[in-house]
């Protein structure tokens, strides 16, 4: 069965036949290593931010500095959220990638 040129163009517009494939480009392992290192750097930075935020929270509480205490609490919550996001980044992307591949 032969398709006309217009039919082939329409078919490609609806289904280009592209899916993610590992190993297609050189340097993929280097890119994965760089991204993993950036993620680890972010996690280490969050540990530091959490420690500073908890110290500010405690200092504000013990000195009666209500604004410092509130800022320490906010910093602790933000650091915890950042740790959650950094730790779950791979799973979140994998989840939505799998969900997106099911779209027809």
C-alpha atoms as a PDB file:
ATOM      1  CA  UNK A   1       0.000   0.000   0.000  1.00  0.00           C
ATOM      2  CA  UNK A   2       1.577   3.245  -1.146  1.00  0.00           C
ATOM      3  CA  UNK A   3       0.981   6.470   0.761  1.00  0.00           C
ATOM      4  CA  UNK A   4       0.936   9.816  -0.960  1.00  0.00           C
ATOM      5  CA  UNK A   5       3.394  12.479   0.130  1.00  0.00           C
ATOM      6  CA  UNK A   6       0.659  14.441   1.895  1.00  0.00           C
ATOM      7  CA  UNK A   7      -0.422  11.330   3.831  1.00  0.00           C
ATOM      8  CA  UNK A   8       3.176  10.635   4.906  1.00  0.00           C
ATOM      9  CA  UNK A   9       3.626  14.213   6.119  1.00  0.00           C
ATOM     10  CA  UNK A  10       0.391  14.010   8.102  1.00  0.00           C
ATOM     11  CA  UNK A  11       1.451  10.664   9.588  1.00  0.00           C
ATOM     12  CA  UNK A  12       4.800  12.111  10.671  1.00  0.00           C
ATOM     13  CA  UNK A  13       3.053  15.113  12.192  1.00  0.00           C
ATOM     14  CA  UNK A  14       1.019  12.801  14.422  1.00  0.00           C
ATOM     15  CA  UNK A  15       3.605  10.076  15.081  1.00  0.00           C
ATOM     16  CA  UNK A  16       7.229  11.012  14.507  1.00  0.00           C
ATOM     17  CA  UNK A  17       8.367   7.667  15.996  1.00  0.00           C
ATOM     18  CA  UNK A  18      10.842   9.221  18.435  1.00  0.00           C
ATOM     19  CA  UNK A  19      11.508   7.779  21.880  1.00  0.00           C
ATOM     20  CA  UNK A  20      14.347   8.283  24.388  1.00  0.00           C
ATOM     21  CA  UNK A  21      17.346   6.079  23.688  1.00  0.00           C
ATOM     22  CA  UNK A  22      20.484   5.750  25.773  1.00  0.00           C
ATOM     23  CA  UNK A  23      23.853   5.654  24.077  1.00  0.00           C
ATOM     24  CA  UNK A  24      22.844   7.628  21.010  1.00  0.00           C
ATOM     25  CA  UNK A  25      25.269  10.492  21.585  1.00  0.00           C
ATOM     26  CA  UNK A  26      28.831  10.497  22.841  1.00  0.00           C
ATOM     27  CA  UNK A  27      29.364  11.956  26.286  1.00  0.00           C
ATOM     28  CA  UNK A  28      26.139  10.707  27.832  1.00  0.00           C
ATOM     29  CA  UNK A  29      28.004   9.024  30.688  1.00  0.00           C
ATOM     30  CA  UNK A  30      29.932  12.248  31.342  1.00  0.00           C
ATOM     31  CA  UNK A  31      26.695  14.246  31.419  1.00  0.00           C
ATOM     32  CA  UNK A  32      25.144  11.772  33.867  1.00  0.00           C
ATOM     33  CA  UNK A  33      28.230  12.061  36.064  1.00  0.00           C
ATOM     34  CA  UNK A  34      28.079  15.883  35.999  1.00  0.00           C
ATOM     35  CA  UNK A  35      24.364  15.965  36.860  1.00  0.00           C
ATOM     36  CA  UNK A  36      24.877  13.452  39.679  1.00  0.00           C
ATOM     37  CA  UNK A  37      27.690  15.598  41.063  1.00  0.00           C
ATOM     38  CA  UNK A  38      25.533  18.727  40.908  1.00  0.00           C
ATOM     39  CA  UNK A  39      22.773  16.861  42.773  1.00  0.00           C
ATOM     40  CA  UNK A  40      25.251  15.763  45.468  1.00  0.00           C
ATOM     41  CA  UNK A  41      26.595  19.319  45.765  1.00  0.00           C
ATOM     42  CA  UNK A  42      23.025  20.552  46.236  1.00  0.00           C
ATOM     43  CA  UNK A  43      22.355  17.982  48.957  1.00  0.00           C
ATOM     44  CA  UNK A  44      25.537  18.974  50.816  1.00  0.00           C
ATOM     45  CA  UNK A  45      24.558  22.659  50.535  1.00  0.00           C
ATOM     46  CA  UNK A  46      21.089  21.863  51.913  1.00  0.00           C
ATOM     47  CA  UNK A  47      22.645  20.120  54.928  1.00  0.00           C
ATOM     48  CA  UNK A  48      24.601  23.310  55.645  1.00  0.00           C
ATOM     49  CA  UNK A  49      21.545  25.491  55.133  1.00  0.00           C
ATOM     50  CA  UNK A  50      19.511  23.311  57.470  1.00  0.00           C
ATOM     51  CA  UNK A  51      22.187  23.485  60.163  1.00  0.00           C
ATOM     52  CA  UNK A  52      22.371  27.291  59.919  1.00  0.00           C
ATOM     53  CA  UNK A  53      18.574  27.628  59.926  1.00  0.00           C
ATOM     54  CA  UNK A  54      18.220  25.429  62.996  1.00  0.00           C
ATOM     55  CA  UNK A  55      20.930  27.434  64.773  1.00  0.00           C
ATOM     56  CA  UNK A  56      19.138  30.718  63.936  1.00  0.00           C
ATOM     57  CA  UNK A  57      15.857  29.232  65.120  1.00  0.00           C
ATOM     58  CA  UNK A  58      17.389  28.160  68.451  1.00  0.00           C
ATOM     59  CA  UNK A  59      19.250  31.449  68.901  1.00  0.00           C
ATOM     60  CA  UNK A  60      16.099  33.459  68.167  1.00  0.00           C
ATOM     61  CA  UNK A  61      14.074  31.357  70.570  1.00  0.00           C
ATOM     62  CA  UNK A  62      16.544  31.670  73.452  1.00  0.00           C
ATOM     63  CA  UNK A  63      17.189  35.398  73.010  1.00  0.00           C
ATOM     64  CA  UNK A  64      13.559  36.353  72.469  1.00  0.00           C
ATOM     65  CA  UNK A  65      14.182  37.428  68.881  1.00  0.00           C
ATOM     66  CA  UNK A  66      10.863  36.479  67.367  1.00  0.00           C
ATOM     67  CA  UNK A  67      11.808  37.533  63.846  1.00  0.00           C
ATOM     68  CA  UNK A  68      15.032  35.501  63.952  1.00  0.00           C
ATOM     69  CA  UNK A  69      13.072  32.543  65.288  1.00  0.00           C
ATOM     70  CA  UNK A  70      10.511  32.834  62.485  1.00  0.00           C
ATOM     71  CA  UNK A  71      13.254  33.160  59.851  1.00  0.00           C
ATOM     72  CA  UNK A  72      14.999  30.098  61.263  1.00  0.00           C
ATOM     73  CA  UNK A  73      11.766  28.118  61.018  1.00  0.00           C
ATOM     74  CA  UNK A  74      11.218  29.254  57.435  1.00  0.00           C
ATOM     75  CA  UNK A  75      14.779  28.357  56.530  1.00  0.00           C
ATOM     76  CA  UNK A  76      14.404  24.902  58.064  1.00  0.00           C
ATOM     77  CA  UNK A  77      11.206  24.249  56.109  1.00  0.00           C
ATOM     78  CA  UNK A  78      12.737  25.500  52.857  1.00  0.00           C
ATOM     79  CA  UNK A  79      15.854  23.365  53.401  1.00  0.00           C
ATOM     80  CA  UNK A  80      13.704  20.309  54.108  1.00  0.00           C
ATOM     81  CA  UNK A  81      11.698  20.971  50.933  1.00  0.00           C
ATOM     82  CA  UNK A  82      14.881  21.382  48.905  1.00  0.00           C
ATOM     83  CA  UNK A  83      16.220  18.099  50.287  1.00  0.00           C
ATOM     84  CA  UNK A  84      12.957  16.406  49.355  1.00  0.00           C
ATOM     85  CA  UNK A  85      13.119  17.809  45.827  1.00  0.00           C
ATOM     86  CA  UNK A  86      16.770  16.910  45.307  1.00  0.00           C
ATOM     87  CA  UNK A  87      16.296  13.399  46.624  1.00  0.00           C
ATOM     88  CA  UNK A  88      13.163  12.782  44.600  1.00  0.00           C
ATOM     89  CA  UNK A  89      14.270  14.494  41.360  1.00  0.00           C
ATOM     90  CA  UNK A  90      15.152  11.295  39.537  1.00  0.00           C
ATOM     91  CA  UNK A  91      11.925   9.570  40.593  1.00  0.00           C
ATOM     92  CA  UNK A  92       9.774  12.581  39.696  1.00  0.00           C
ATOM     93  CA  UNK A  93      11.277  12.833  36.215  1.00  0.00           C
ATOM     94  CA  UNK A  94      10.983   9.077  35.684  1.00  0.00           C
ATOM     95  CA  UNK A  95       7.341   9.131  36.831  1.00  0.00           C
ATOM     96  CA  UNK A  96       6.296  11.956  34.522  1.00  0.00           C
ATOM     97  CA  UNK A  97       8.362  10.576  31.635  1.00  0.00           C
ATOM     98  CA  UNK A  98       6.554   7.243  31.949  1.00  0.00           C
ATOM     99  CA  UNK A  99       3.234   9.080  32.266  1.00  0.00           C
ATOM    100  CA  UNK A 100       4.024  11.160  29.182  1.00  0.00           C
ATOM    101  CA  UNK A 101       4.930   8.115  27.128  1.00  0.00           C
ATOM    102  CA  UNK A 102       1.401   6.788  27.685  1.00  0.00           C
ATOM    103  CA  UNK A 103      -0.229   9.792  26.013  1.00  0.00           C
ATOM    104  CA  UNK A 104      -1.776   8.765  22.700  1.00  0.00           C
END
